[in-house]
C-alpha atoms as a PDB file:
ATOM      1  CA  MET A   1      98.972 137.890 110.247  1.00  0.00           C
ATOM      2  CA  ARG A   2      97.555 134.373 110.085  1.00  0.00           C
ATOM      3  CA  ASP A   3      99.605 131.450 111.378  1.00  0.00           C
ATOM      4  CA  MET A   4     101.518 129.349 108.907  1.00  0.00           C
ATOM      5  CA  HIS A   5      99.861 126.003 108.505  1.00  0.00           C
ATOM      6  CA  ARG A   6     101.619 122.694 108.040  1.00  0.00           C
ATOM      7  CA  ASN A   7     101.942 121.639 104.439  1.00  0.00           C
ATOM      8  CA  PHE A   8     102.857 117.969 104.796  1.00  0.00           C
ATOM      9  CA  ARG A   9     103.653 115.239 102.335  1.00  0.00           C
ATOM     10  CA  ASN A  10     101.723 112.095 103.031  1.00  0.00           C
ATOM     11  CA  VAL A  11     102.616 108.430 102.160  1.00  0.00           C
ATOM     12  CA  GLY A  12     102.706 107.972  98.335  1.00  0.00           C
ATOM     13  CA  LYS A  13     100.733 104.681  98.032  1.00  0.00           C
ATOM     14  CA  ILE A  14      99.006 102.221 100.345  1.00  0.00           C
ATOM     15  CA  VAL A  15      98.002  98.609  99.670  1.00  0.00           C
ATOM     16  CA  TYR A  16      95.920  97.049 102.538  1.00  0.00           C
ATOM     17  CA  GLY A  17      94.499  93.605 103.100  1.00  0.00           C
ATOM     18  CA  ARG A  18      95.369  90.113 104.276  1.00  0.00           C
ATOM     19  CA  GLY A  19      98.007  88.580 101.995  1.00  0.00           C
ATOM     20  CA  SER A  20      99.013  91.932 100.493  1.00  0.00           C
ATOM     21  CA  LEU A  21     102.648  91.211 101.207  1.00  0.00           C
ATOM     22  CA  ASP A  22     102.562  88.870  98.196  1.00  0.00           C
ATOM     23  CA  GLN A  23     102.252  91.927  95.925  1.00  0.00           C
ATOM     24  CA  LEU A  24     105.649  93.269  96.978  1.00  0.00           C
ATOM     25  CA  GLY A  25     107.512  91.911  94.022  1.00  0.00           C
ATOM     26  CA  SER A  26     105.236  93.559  91.488  1.00  0.00           C
ATOM     27  CA  ILE A  27     105.337  96.814  93.536  1.00  0.00           C
ATOM     28  CA  LEU A  28     109.153  96.870  93.391  1.00  0.00           C
ATOM     29  CA  GLU A  29     109.447  95.909  89.701  1.00  0.00           C
ATOM     30  CA  PRO A  30     109.132  99.471  88.281  1.00  0.00           C
ATOM     31  CA  VAL A  31     111.182 100.871  91.177  1.00  0.00           C
ATOM     32  CA  ARG A  32     114.016  98.474  90.229  1.00  0.00           C
ATOM     33  CA  ARG A  33     113.823  99.526  86.574  1.00  0.00           C
ATOM     34  CA  SER A  34     114.175 103.236  87.512  1.00  0.00           C
ATOM     35  CA  GLY A  35     117.575 102.801  89.261  1.00  0.00           C
ATOM     36  CA  THR A  36     120.312 100.262  89.848  1.00  0.00           C
ATOM     37  CA  GLY A  37     117.808  97.479  90.332  1.00  0.00           C
ATOM     38  CA  THR A  38     118.922  96.532  93.858  1.00  0.00           C
ATOM     39  CA  VAL A  39     116.812  96.615  97.055  1.00  0.00           C
ATOM     40  CA  VAL A  40     117.958  96.868 100.662  1.00  0.00           C
ATOM     41  CA  TYR A  41     115.740  94.973 103.048  1.00  0.00           C
ATOM     42  CA  LEU A  42     115.820  95.987 106.782  1.00  0.00           C
ATOM     43  CA  VAL A  43     113.902  93.291 108.643  1.00  0.00           C
ATOM     44  CA  ASP A  44     113.201  92.653 112.387  1.00  0.00           C
ATOM     45  CA  ASP A  45     115.444  89.688 113.326  1.00  0.00           C
ATOM     46  CA  TRP A  46     112.455  87.815 114.784  1.00  0.00           C
ATOM     47  CA  PHE A  47     111.567  86.885 111.275  1.00  0.00           C
ATOM     48  CA  GLU A  48     114.961  85.432 110.357  1.00  0.00           C
ATOM     49  CA  GLY A  49     114.500  81.841 109.281  1.00  0.00           C
ATOM     50  CA  ARG A  50     110.715  82.076 109.583  1.00  0.00           C
ATOM     51  CA  GLU A  51     107.999  81.795 106.869  1.00  0.00           C
ATOM     52  CA  LEU A  52     108.034  85.495 106.023  1.00  0.00           C
ATOM     53  CA  GLU A  53     111.658  85.312 104.902  1.00  0.00           C
ATOM     54  CA  ALA A  54     110.582  83.166 101.902  1.00  0.00           C
ATOM     55  CA  ARG A  55     107.991  85.632 100.885  1.00  0.00           C
ATOM     56  CA  LEU A  56     110.373  88.536 100.378  1.00  0.00           C
ATOM     57  CA  ALA A  57     110.913  89.490  96.744  1.00  0.00           C
ATOM     58  CA  VAL A  58     114.762  89.123  97.058  1.00  0.00           C
ATOM     59  CA  GLU A  59     116.749  89.194  93.794  1.00  0.00           C
ATOM     60  CA  SER A  60     120.403  88.829  92.988  1.00  0.00           C
ATOM     61  CA  GLY A  61     122.375  91.829  94.341  1.00  0.00           C
ATOM     62  CA  ASP A  62     119.821  92.679  96.998  1.00  0.00           C
ATOM     63  CA  GLU A  63     120.877  93.019 100.639  1.00  0.00           C
ATOM     64  CA  VAL A  64     118.886  91.779 103.667  1.00  0.00           C
ATOM     65  CA  HIS A  65     119.843  93.082 107.020  1.00  0.00           C
ATOM     66  CA  TYR A  66     118.182  91.600 110.174  1.00  0.00           C
ATOM     67  CA  LEU A  67     117.934  94.167 112.955  1.00  0.00           C
ATOM     68  CA  ASP A  68     117.681  93.570 116.701  1.00  0.00           C
ATOM     69  CA  ALA A  69     114.596  95.735 117.408  1.00  0.00           C
ATOM     70  CA  SER A  70     113.678  94.140 120.745  1.00  0.00           C
ATOM     71  CA  HIS A  71     116.364  95.561 123.069  1.00  0.00           C
ATOM     72  CA  GLU A  72     117.271  99.174 122.130  1.00  0.00           C
ATOM     73  CA  GLU A  73     115.776 102.201 120.505  1.00  0.00           C
ATOM     74  CA  PRO A  74     117.070 103.099 116.972  1.00  0.00           C
ATOM     75  CA  LYS A  75     120.367 104.973 117.149  1.00  0.00           C
ATOM     76  CA  THR A  76     122.078 107.502 114.882  1.00  0.00           C
ATOM     77  CA  GLU A  77     125.253 105.327 115.104  1.00  0.00           C
ATOM     78  CA  GLN A  78     123.273 102.258 113.698  1.00  0.00           C
ATOM     79  CA  VAL A  79     121.814 104.272 110.847  1.00  0.00           C
ATOM     80  CA  ASP A  80     125.247 105.666 109.884  1.00  0.00           C
ATOM     81  CA  GLU A  81     126.880 102.193 109.974  1.00  0.00           C
ATOM     82  CA  LEU A  82     124.112 100.711 107.823  1.00  0.00           C
ATOM     83  CA  ARG A  83     124.461 103.546 105.310  1.00  0.00           C
ATOM     84  CA  ASP A  84     128.265 103.408 105.083  1.00  0.00           C
ATOM     85  CA  GLY A  85     128.187  99.568 104.679  1.00  0.00           C
ATOM     86  CA  ILE A  86     125.583  99.691 101.942  1.00  0.00           C
ATOM     87  CA  LEU A  87     127.452 102.326  99.928  1.00  0.00           C
ATOM     88  CA  SER A  88     130.765 100.621 100.358  1.00  0.00           C
ATOM     89  CA  ARG A  89     129.489  97.386  98.698  1.00  0.00           C
ATOM     90  CA  SER A  90     127.479  98.709  95.819  1.00  0.00           C
ATOM     91  CA  ALA A  91     126.075 101.723  94.095  1.00  0.00           C
ATOM     92  CA  LEU A  92     123.040 103.669  95.407  1.00  0.00           C
ATOM     93  CA  PRO A  93     120.225 101.086  95.713  1.00  0.00           C
ATOM     94  CA  SER A  94     116.783 101.592  93.989  1.00  0.00           C
ATOM     95  CA  ALA A  95     114.871 101.016  97.167  1.00  0.00           C
ATOM     96  CA  VAL A  96     114.891 100.561 100.934  1.00  0.00           C
ATOM     97  CA  VAL A  97     112.119  98.248 102.421  1.00  0.00           C
ATOM     98  CA  GLY A  98     111.548  98.280 106.148  1.00  0.00           C
ATOM     99  CA  ILE A  99     109.722  95.233 107.728  1.00  0.00           C
ATOM    100  CA  GLY A 100     108.975  95.330 111.401  1.00  0.00           C
ATOM    101  CA  GLY A 101     107.701  97.462 114.205  1.00  0.00           C
ATOM    102  CA  GLY A 102     108.165 101.191 114.727  1.00  0.00           C
ATOM    103  CA  SER A 103     111.854 100.950 115.349  1.00  0.00           C
ATOM    104  CA  VAL A 104     112.528  99.166 111.977  1.00  0.00           C
ATOM    105  CA  MET A 105     110.185 101.703 110.311  1.00  0.00           C
ATOM    106  CA  ASP A 106     112.218 104.615 111.735  1.00  0.00           C
ATOM    107  CA  VAL A 107     115.581 102.981 110.721  1.00  0.00           C
ATOM    108  CA  ALA A 108     114.295 102.391 107.254  1.00  0.00           C
ATOM    109  CA  LYS A 109     113.172 105.963 106.826  1.00  0.00           C
ATOM    110  CA  ALA A 110     116.429 107.308 108.232  1.00  0.00           C
ATOM    111  CA  VAL A 111     118.648 105.040 106.054  1.00  0.00           C
ATOM    112  CA  SER A 112     116.725 106.061 102.970  1.00  0.00           C
ATOM    113  CA  LEU A 113     117.510 109.706 103.759  1.00  0.00           C
ATOM    114  CA  MET A 114     121.143 109.160 104.755  1.00  0.00           C
ATOM    115  CA  LEU A 115     121.958 107.258 101.565  1.00  0.00           C
ATOM    116  CA  THR A 116     121.702 110.632  99.722  1.00  0.00           C
ATOM    117  CA  ASN A 117     122.870 113.020 102.517  1.00  0.00           C
ATOM    118  CA  GLU A 118     126.447 113.439 103.658  1.00  0.00           C
ATOM    119  CA  GLY A 119     127.732 113.102 107.181  1.00  0.00           C
ATOM    120  CA  SER A 120     126.268 111.604 110.380  1.00  0.00           C
ATOM    121  CA  SER A 121     122.598 111.432 110.828  1.00  0.00           C
ATOM    122  CA  THR A 122     123.094 113.427 114.062  1.00  0.00           C
ATOM    123  CA  ARG A 123     123.406 116.524 111.765  1.00  0.00           C
ATOM    124  CA  TYR A 124     119.812 116.032 110.700  1.00  0.00           C
ATOM    125  CA  GLN A 125     118.054 115.508 113.972  1.00  0.00           C
ATOM    126  CA  GLY A 126     115.464 118.240 113.897  1.00  0.00           C
ATOM    127  CA  LEU A 127     112.915 119.840 111.575  1.00  0.00           C
ATOM    128  CA  ASN A 128     113.696 120.288 107.878  1.00  0.00           C
ATOM    129  CA  LEU A 129     117.447 119.822 108.235  1.00  0.00           C
ATOM    130  CA  VAL A 130     117.698 117.108 105.634  1.00  0.00           C
ATOM    131  CA  GLU A 131     119.092 118.518 102.347  1.00  0.00           C
ATOM    132  CA  ARG A 132     118.278 116.012  99.642  1.00  0.00           C
ATOM    133  CA  PRO A 133     115.431 113.572  98.951  1.00  0.00           C
ATOM    134  CA  GLY A 134     116.196 109.987 100.050  1.00  0.00           C
ATOM    135  CA  VAL A 135     115.956 106.667  98.192  1.00  0.00           C
ATOM    136  CA  TRP A 136     112.424 105.358  97.393  1.00  0.00           C
ATOM    137  CA  HIS A 137     111.320 103.510 100.498  1.00  0.00           C
ATOM    138  CA  CYS A 138     108.523 101.093 101.555  1.00  0.00           C
ATOM    139  CA  GLY A 139     107.238 100.332 105.002  1.00  0.00           C
ATOM    140  CA  ILE A 140     105.711  96.942 105.942  1.00  0.00           C
ATOM    141  CA  PRO A 141     104.564  97.033 109.660  1.00  0.00           C
ATOM    142  CA  THR A 142     104.367  93.764 111.595  1.00  0.00           C
ATOM    143  CA  ILE A 143     103.020  95.345 114.779  1.00  0.00           C
ATOM    144  CA  SER A 144     100.405  98.112 115.029  1.00  0.00           C
ATOM    145  CA  GLY A 145     100.296 101.239 117.107  1.00  0.00           C
ATOM    146  CA  THR A 146     103.295 103.488 116.742  1.00  0.00           C
ATOM    147  CA  GLY A 147     102.053 105.251 113.651  1.00  0.00           C
ATOM    148  CA  ALA A 148     105.690 105.173 112.423  1.00  0.00           C
ATOM    149  CA  GLU A 149     104.504 103.827 109.141  1.00  0.00           C
ATOM    150  CA  VAL A 150     102.778 107.056 108.190  1.00  0.00           C
ATOM    151  CA  SER A 151     104.758 109.475 110.356  1.00  0.00           C
ATOM    152  CA  MET A 152     106.913 112.207 108.789  1.00  0.00           C
ATOM    153  CA  THR A 153     109.545 111.660 111.495  1.00  0.00           C
ATOM    154  CA  ALA A 154     112.268 109.046 111.896  1.00  0.00           C
ATOM    155  CA  VAL A 155     113.028 109.032 115.648  1.00  0.00           C
ATOM    156  CA  LEU A 156     116.644 108.326 116.517  1.00  0.00           C
ATOM    157  CA  THR A 157     118.602 108.389 119.791  1.00  0.00           C
ATOM    158  CA  GLY A 158     121.941 110.171 119.288  1.00  0.00           C
ATOM    159  CA  PRO A 159     124.874 110.947 121.549  1.00  0.00           C
ATOM    160  CA  GLU A 160     123.233 114.045 122.896  1.00  0.00           C
ATOM    161  CA  LYS A 161     119.462 113.772 122.241  1.00  0.00           C
ATOM    162  CA  LYS A 162     116.572 111.626 121.166  1.00  0.00           C
ATOM    163  CA  LEU A 163     115.000 113.473 118.253  1.00  0.00           C
ATOM    164  CA  GLY A 164     113.583 112.793 114.796  1.00  0.00           C
ATOM    165  CA  LEU A 165     114.743 113.401 111.289  1.00  0.00           C
ATOM    166  CA  LYS A 166     111.713 115.337 110.225  1.00  0.00           C
ATOM    167  CA  CYS A 167     111.197 116.614 106.658  1.00  0.00           C
ATOM    168  CA  GLU A 168     108.850 116.236 103.674  1.00  0.00           C
ATOM    169  CA  TRP A 169     110.998 113.348 102.323  1.00  0.00           C
ATOM    170  CA  THR A 170     110.757 111.165 105.517  1.00  0.00           C
ATOM    171  CA  PRO A 171     107.322 109.530 104.726  1.00  0.00           C
ATOM    172  CA  PHE A 172     107.288 106.269 102.973  1.00  0.00           C
ATOM    173  CA  ASP A 173     106.644 106.122  99.221  1.00  0.00           C
ATOM    174  CA  GLN A 174     104.677 102.898  99.700  1.00  0.00           C
ATOM    175  CA  LEU A 175     103.036 101.040 102.550  1.00  0.00           C
ATOM    176  CA  VAL A 176     101.988  97.397 102.552  1.00  0.00           C
ATOM    177  CA  LEU A 177      99.480  96.904 105.367  1.00  0.00           C
ATOM    178  CA  ASP A 178      98.972  93.206 105.840  1.00  0.00           C
ATOM    179  CA  PRO A 179      97.147  92.323 109.056  1.00  0.00           C
ATOM    180  CA  ASP A 180      98.292  88.808 108.862  1.00  0.00           C
ATOM    181  CA  LEU A 181     101.756  89.945 109.754  1.00  0.00           C
ATOM    182  CA  THR A 182     100.704  91.055 113.208  1.00  0.00           C
ATOM    183  CA  ALA A 183      99.219  87.736 114.289  1.00  0.00           C
ATOM    184  CA  SER A 184     102.450  86.447 116.006  1.00  0.00           C
ATOM    185  CA  VAL A 185     103.000  89.462 118.151  1.00  0.00           C
ATOM    186  CA  PRO A 186     103.363  88.475 121.883  1.00  0.00           C
ATOM    187  CA  THR A 187     100.412  89.856 123.924  1.00  0.00           C
ATOM    188  CA  ASP A 188     102.522  92.276 126.080  1.00  0.00           C
ATOM    189  CA  HIS A 189     104.122  93.853 123.011  1.00  0.00           C
ATOM    190  CA  TRP A 190     100.671  93.980 121.313  1.00  0.00           C
ATOM    191  CA  PHE A 191      99.377  95.900 124.360  1.00  0.00           C
ATOM    192  CA  TYR A 192     102.379  98.328 124.685  1.00  0.00           C
ATOM    193  CA  THR A 193     102.434  99.248 121.019  1.00  0.00           C
ATOM    194  CA  GLY A 194      98.690  99.581 120.869  1.00  0.00           C
ATOM    195  CA  MET A 195      98.797 101.895 123.867  1.00  0.00           C
ATOM    196  CA  ASP A 196     101.258 104.123 121.952  1.00  0.00           C
ATOM    197  CA  CYS A 197      98.404 104.765 119.475  1.00  0.00           C
ATOM    198  CA  PHE A 198      95.869 105.312 122.223  1.00  0.00           C
ATOM    199  CA  ILE A 199      98.200 107.609 124.249  1.00  0.00           C
ATOM    200  CA  HIS A 200      99.320 109.792 121.392  1.00  0.00           C
ATOM    201  CA  CYS A 201      95.700 110.299 120.266  1.00  0.00           C
ATOM    202  CA  ILE A 202      94.868 111.418 123.865  1.00  0.00           C
ATOM    203  CA  GLU A 203      97.814 113.733 123.846  1.00  0.00           C
ATOM    204  CA  ALA A 204      96.853 115.147 120.381  1.00  0.00           C
ATOM    205  CA  GLU A 205      93.322 115.900 121.432  1.00  0.00           C
ATOM    206  CA  THR A 206      94.059 117.518 124.709  1.00  0.00           C
ATOM    207  CA  GLY A 207      96.590 120.066 123.533  1.00  0.00           C
ATOM    208  CA  ARG A 208      96.494 123.449 121.898  1.00  0.00           C
ATOM    209  CA  HIS A 209      97.316 122.420 118.384  1.00  0.00           C
ATOM    210  CA  PHE A 210      94.410 120.086 118.183  1.00  0.00           C
ATOM    211  CA  ASN A 211      92.163 120.868 115.112  1.00  0.00           C
ATOM    212  CA  THR A 212      89.412 119.431 112.970  1.00  0.00           C
ATOM    213  CA  PHE A 213      91.816 117.578 110.628  1.00  0.00           C
ATOM    214  CA  SER A 214      93.576 115.915 113.552  1.00  0.00           C
ATOM    215  CA  GLN A 215      90.189 115.189 115.256  1.00  0.00           C
ATOM    216  CA  ALA A 216      88.722 113.403 112.211  1.00  0.00           C
ATOM    217  CA  TYR A 217      91.504 110.816 112.277  1.00  0.00           C
ATOM    218  CA  GLY A 218      92.056 110.779 115.991  1.00  0.00           C
ATOM    219  CA  ASP A 219      88.435 110.143 116.929  1.00  0.00           C
ATOM    220  CA  GLU A 220      88.259 107.148 114.654  1.00  0.00           C
ATOM    221  CA  ALA A 221      91.654 105.809 115.974  1.00  0.00           C
ATOM    222  CA  LEU A 222      90.441 106.183 119.576  1.00  0.00           C
ATOM    223  CA  LYS A 223      87.116 104.402 118.698  1.00  0.00           C
ATOM    224  CA  LEU A 224      88.980 101.475 117.165  1.00  0.00           C
ATOM    225  CA  CYS A 225      91.441 101.298 120.108  1.00  0.00           C
ATOM    226  CA  ARG A 226      88.490 101.110 122.471  1.00  0.00           C
ATOM    227  CA  GLU A 227      86.938  98.315 120.491  1.00  0.00           C
ATOM    228  CA  VAL A 228      90.289  96.363 120.554  1.00  0.00           C
ATOM    229  CA  PHE A 229      91.279  96.972 124.180  1.00  0.00           C
ATOM    230  CA  LEU A 230      88.114  97.884 126.210  1.00  0.00           C
ATOM    231  CA  ASP A 231      84.778  97.022 124.762  1.00  0.00           C
ATOM    232  CA  ASP A 232      82.957  93.610 124.994  1.00  0.00           C
ATOM    233  CA  GLY A 233      84.725  92.218 121.951  1.00  0.00           C
ATOM    234  CA  ALA A 234      88.188  93.275 123.158  1.00  0.00           C
ATOM    235  CA  GLY A 235      91.178  91.110 122.816  1.00  0.00           C
ATOM    236  CA  ARG A 236      93.306  89.208 120.276  1.00  0.00           C
ATOM    237  CA  SER A 237      91.489  88.272 117.183  1.00  0.00           C
ATOM    238  CA  PRO A 238      91.889  88.504 113.346  1.00  0.00           C
ATOM    239  CA  ALA A 239      89.219  91.259 113.253  1.00  0.00           C
ATOM    240  CA  ASN A 240      90.863  93.189 115.955  1.00  0.00           C
ATOM    241  CA  ASP A 241      94.239  92.878 114.234  1.00  0.00           C
ATOM    242  CA  GLU A 242      92.628  94.652 111.292  1.00  0.00           C
ATOM    243  CA  LYS A 243      91.129  97.411 113.503  1.00  0.00           C
ATOM    244  CA  LEU A 244      94.339  98.020 115.226  1.00  0.00           C
ATOM    245  CA  MET A 245      96.336  98.287 112.045  1.00  0.00           C
ATOM    246  CA  VAL A 246      93.903 100.910 110.763  1.00  0.00           C
ATOM    247  CA  ALA A 247      93.916 102.730 114.177  1.00  0.00           C
ATOM    248  CA  SER A 248      97.697 102.965 113.994  1.00  0.00           C
ATOM    249  CA  LEU A 249      97.537 104.502 110.500  1.00  0.00           C
ATOM    250  CA  PHE A 250      94.794 107.055 111.511  1.00  0.00           C
ATOM    251  CA  GLY A 251      96.463 107.783 114.738  1.00  0.00           C
ATOM    252  CA  GLY A 252      99.709 108.609 112.928  1.00  0.00           C
ATOM    253  CA  LEU A 253      97.763 110.948 110.559  1.00  0.00           C
ATOM    254  CA  SER A 254      96.026 112.566 113.477  1.00  0.00           C
ATOM    255  CA  LEU A 255      99.421 113.253 115.063  1.00  0.00           C
ATOM    256  CA  THR A 256     100.903 114.694 111.943  1.00  0.00           C
ATOM    257  CA  TYR A 257      98.649 117.690 112.186  1.00  0.00           C
ATOM    258  CA  SER A 258      98.735 117.973 116.017  1.00  0.00           C
ATOM    259  CA  GLU A 259     101.455 116.994 118.436  1.00  0.00           C
ATOM    260  CA  VAL A 260     102.330 114.626 121.303  1.00  0.00           C
ATOM    261  CA  GLY A 261     102.584 115.962 124.937  1.00  0.00           C
ATOM    262  CA  ALA A 262     103.709 115.268 128.459  1.00  0.00           C
ATOM    263  CA  CYS A 263     103.747 111.430 128.258  1.00  0.00           C
ATOM    264  CA  HIS A 264     105.999 111.308 125.237  1.00  0.00           C
ATOM    265  CA  ALA A 265     108.363 113.922 126.750  1.00  0.00           C
ATOM    266  CA  ILE A 266     108.634 111.735 129.918  1.00  0.00           C
ATOM    267  CA  SER A 267     109.022 108.553 127.862  1.00  0.00           C
ATOM    268  CA  TYR A 268     111.817 110.094 125.839  1.00  0.00           C
ATOM    269  CA  GLY A 269     113.764 110.527 129.076  1.00  0.00           C
ATOM    270  CA  LEU A 270     113.250 106.942 129.981  1.00  0.00           C
ATOM    271  CA  SER A 271     114.351 105.772 126.514  1.00  0.00           C
ATOM    272  CA  TYR A 272     117.327 107.998 126.322  1.00  0.00           C
ATOM    273  CA  VAL A 273     118.793 107.217 129.693  1.00  0.00           C
ATOM    274  CA  LEU A 274     117.639 103.608 130.306  1.00  0.00           C
ATOM    275  CA  GLY A 275     117.275 102.386 126.783  1.00  0.00           C
ATOM    276  CA  MET A 276     113.643 101.495 127.596  1.00  0.00           C
ATOM    277  CA  ARG A 277     111.453 100.582 124.630  1.00  0.00           C
ATOM    278  CA  HIS A 278     109.111 103.296 123.530  1.00  0.00           C
ATOM    279  CA  GLY A 279     105.835 101.478 124.001  1.00  0.00           C
ATOM    280  CA  ILE A 280     106.472 100.370 127.502  1.00  0.00           C
ATOM    281  CA  ALA A 281     108.025 103.681 128.439  1.00  0.00           C
ATOM    282  CA  ASN A 282     104.869 105.373 127.391  1.00  0.00           C
ATOM    283  CA  CYS A 283     102.758 102.995 129.506  1.00  0.00           C
ATOM    284  CA  VAL A 284     104.922 103.489 132.620  1.00  0.00           C
ATOM    285  CA  ALA A 285     104.888 107.193 132.235  1.00  0.00           C
ATOM    286  CA  PHE A 286     101.135 107.621 131.309  1.00  0.00           C
ATOM    287  CA  ARG A 287      99.755 106.078 134.500  1.00  0.00           C
ATOM    288  CA  GLN A 288     101.581 108.793 136.528  1.00  0.00           C
ATOM    289  CA  LEU A 289     100.101 111.699 134.484  1.00  0.00           C
ATOM    290  CA  ARG A 290      96.563 111.888 135.781  1.00  0.00           C
ATOM    291  CA  ASP A 291      97.060 115.630 136.344  1.00  0.00           C
ATOM    292  CA  PHE A 292      97.456 116.028 132.537  1.00  0.00           C
ATOM    293  CA  TYR A 293      95.064 113.309 131.240  1.00  0.00           C
ATOM    294  CA  PRO A 294      92.528 112.244 133.939  1.00  0.00           C
ATOM    295  CA  HIS A 295      89.959 110.559 131.725  1.00  0.00           C
ATOM    296  CA  GLY A 296      92.685 108.953 129.418  1.00  0.00           C
ATOM    297  CA  VAL A 297      94.478 107.533 132.493  1.00  0.00           C
ATOM    298  CA  ASP A 298      91.211 106.010 133.832  1.00  0.00           C
ATOM    299  CA  GLU A 299      90.603 104.329 130.467  1.00  0.00           C
ATOM    300  CA  PHE A 300      94.209 103.135 130.277  1.00  0.00           C
ATOM    301  CA  GLU A 301      94.006 101.516 133.751  1.00  0.00           C
ATOM    302  CA  ALA A 302      90.828  99.789 132.754  1.00  0.00           C
ATOM    303  CA  MET A 303      92.609  98.354 129.639  1.00  0.00           C
ATOM    304  CA  VAL A 304      95.584  97.199 131.828  1.00  0.00           C
ATOM    305  CA  GLU A 305      93.253  95.364 134.134  1.00  0.00           C
ATOM    306  CA  LYS A 306      91.082  93.800 131.332  1.00  0.00           C
ATOM    307  CA  HIS A 307      94.154  92.340 129.642  1.00  0.00           C
ATOM    308  CA  SER A 308      95.977  91.381 132.916  1.00  0.00           C
ATOM    309  CA  ILE A 309      99.044  93.406 131.821  1.00  0.00           C
ATOM    310  CA  SER A 310     101.870  93.709 134.439  1.00  0.00           C
ATOM    311  CA  LEU A 311     103.739  96.901 134.294  1.00  0.00           C
ATOM    312  CA  PRO A 312     106.991  97.763 136.121  1.00  0.00           C
ATOM    313  CA  ALA A 313     106.680  99.723 139.388  1.00  0.00           C
ATOM    314  CA  GLY A 314     109.203 101.033 141.820  1.00  0.00           C
ATOM    315  CA  MET A 315     111.808 101.357 139.194  1.00  0.00           C
ATOM    316  CA  SER A 316     113.133 104.636 140.425  1.00  0.00           C
ATOM    317  CA  ASP A 317     114.428 102.946 143.632  1.00  0.00           C
ATOM    318  CA  GLY A 318     117.367 101.698 141.645  1.00  0.00           C
ATOM    319  CA  TRP A 319     118.118 105.020 139.820  1.00  0.00           C
ATOM    320  CA  THR A 320     120.951 107.443 140.712  1.00  0.00           C
ATOM    321  CA  ASP A 321     120.264 111.144 141.303  1.00  0.00           C
ATOM    322  CA  GLU A 322     122.330 111.726 138.060  1.00  0.00           C
ATOM    323  CA  GLN A 323     120.135 109.438 136.072  1.00  0.00           C
ATOM    324  CA  VAL A 324     116.977 111.147 137.326  1.00  0.00           C
ATOM    325  CA  ARG A 325     118.368 114.549 136.562  1.00  0.00           C
ATOM    326  CA  ARG A 326     119.380 113.559 133.053  1.00  0.00           C
ATOM    327  CA  MET A 327     115.954 112.125 132.322  1.00  0.00           C
ATOM    328  CA  ALA A 328     114.360 115.368 133.512  1.00  0.00           C
ATOM    329  CA  GLU A 329     116.711 117.351 131.287  1.00  0.00           C
ATOM    330  CA  ILE A 330     115.794 115.278 128.275  1.00  0.00           C
ATOM    331  CA  ALA A 331     112.131 115.695 128.934  1.00  0.00           C
ATOM    332  CA  PHE A 332     112.521 119.435 129.599  1.00  0.00           C
ATOM    333  CA  GLY A 333     114.379 119.890 126.371  1.00  0.00           C
ATOM    334  CA  LEU A 334     111.301 119.098 124.176  1.00  0.00           C
ATOM    335  CA  PRO A 335     109.569 122.476 124.130  1.00  0.00           C
ATOM    336  CA  HIS A 336     107.312 121.665 121.207  1.00  0.00           C
ATOM    337  CA  MET A 337     105.614 118.838 123.285  1.00  0.00           C
ATOM    338  CA  TRP A 338     105.186 121.016 126.388  1.00  0.00           C
ATOM    339  CA  ASP A 339     103.918 123.983 124.247  1.00  0.00           C
ATOM    340  CA  HIS A 340     101.240 121.607 122.861  1.00  0.00           C
ATOM    341  CA  ALA A 341     100.376 120.303 126.271  1.00  0.00           C
ATOM    342  CA  LEU A 342     100.314 123.490 128.256  1.00  0.00           C
ATOM    343  CA  GLY A 343     100.775 126.554 125.976  1.00  0.00           C
ATOM    344  CA  PRO A 344     103.571 129.035 125.342  1.00  0.00           C
ATOM    345  CA  ASP A 345     103.944 129.731 129.059  1.00  0.00           C
ATOM    346  CA  TRP A 346     104.682 126.057 129.825  1.00  0.00           C
ATOM    347  CA  GLN A 347     107.870 126.833 131.786  1.00  0.00           C
ATOM    348  CA  SER A 348     105.771 128.451 134.430  1.00  0.00           C
ATOM    349  CA  GLU A 349     104.453 125.017 135.261  1.00  0.00           C
ATOM    350  CA  ILE A 350     107.176 122.595 134.173  1.00  0.00           C
ATOM    351  CA  THR A 351     110.451 122.839 135.928  1.00  0.00           C
ATOM    352  CA  LEU A 352     113.279 120.360 136.245  1.00  0.00           C
ATOM    353  CA  ASP A 353     112.342 119.749 139.956  1.00  0.00           C
ATOM    354  CA  ARG A 354     108.712 118.926 138.948  1.00  0.00           C
ATOM    355  CA  LEU A 355     109.986 116.538 136.283  1.00  0.00           C
ATOM    356  CA  GLU A 356     112.332 114.911 138.645  1.00  0.00           C
ATOM    357  CA  ALA A 357     109.373 114.324 141.083  1.00  0.00           C
ATOM    358  CA  ILE A 358     107.467 112.701 138.263  1.00  0.00           C
ATOM    359  CA  PHE A 359     110.312 110.351 137.434  1.00  0.00           C
ATOM    360  CA  ARG A 360     110.722 109.460 141.106  1.00  0.00           C
ATOM    361  CA  ARG A 361     107.190 108.167 141.099  1.00  0.00           C
ATOM    362  CA  LEU A 362     107.898 105.637 138.427  1.00  0.00           C
END
């Protein structure tokens, strides 16, 4: 019998180009007419009081929530509180619009789903557990690299695990890809998030689920990442902002038909136990995984040096044995990532003791 192949739903519509944010009002107009007419905006709080605020197509009855996306990963509790508050104040909104980085993208996707599904979002952490389609939702990334704008997963940290709400209704119905919105990203965050794209493409292409579909998008994403971070024209520039935004989109599409691997498993442990942001957690973990990705780590180290990025070292000196053990347990409990990286017999190579040793090197 042949394997069952993934039959995934992609993003509905995409508008790309500098200044495309100004089309948001006209994009939302027919969506408003099809429902209650109200829109919920979930926006990175960095933009509160800034120029972008005046460009949002906010109308009477809309809600604007500014989210602190710089300190913690998205949580199930946060999503549940947003959903409960929105429904307590008004009828079901016509749309949810997320404006920010990967964390805001994931919260927007999750809130859209939870507005139409009962109970806590913890019930739906996993594959195809969501019971009903969510509210129409639009993603507007303001930083590039995570691929969250096109991913069919909304990654949330819950009381027991860090795992995504993954189903055919998770992807955005609309994307607005405006490279102008990424110009103000601080250099360190620009690097960490860009490396998320580079790393998950390396993981995708070196595992057993890699295929021609994933390769077509992944090769182009890696090519663009190398132009942005490694080649002679590397660095911050308007042209490279455009390249990285497209690399993020293509990297996310590559990942949809492949899988992440060892680095993301390790980084999930760091994020769950320490609350470390996903991009920097990937960077910290990746440089210790030369056994898995030798060429990728070499390129990564060259990028770190080229852009004078300072990454944390010696962190484990301050960790307790209990913290290290919990990180190892979180990483071990992601069998789909290890299966991709090492195959179905991955437990013959990956043990809790080996994972603890990796974490103690960080």
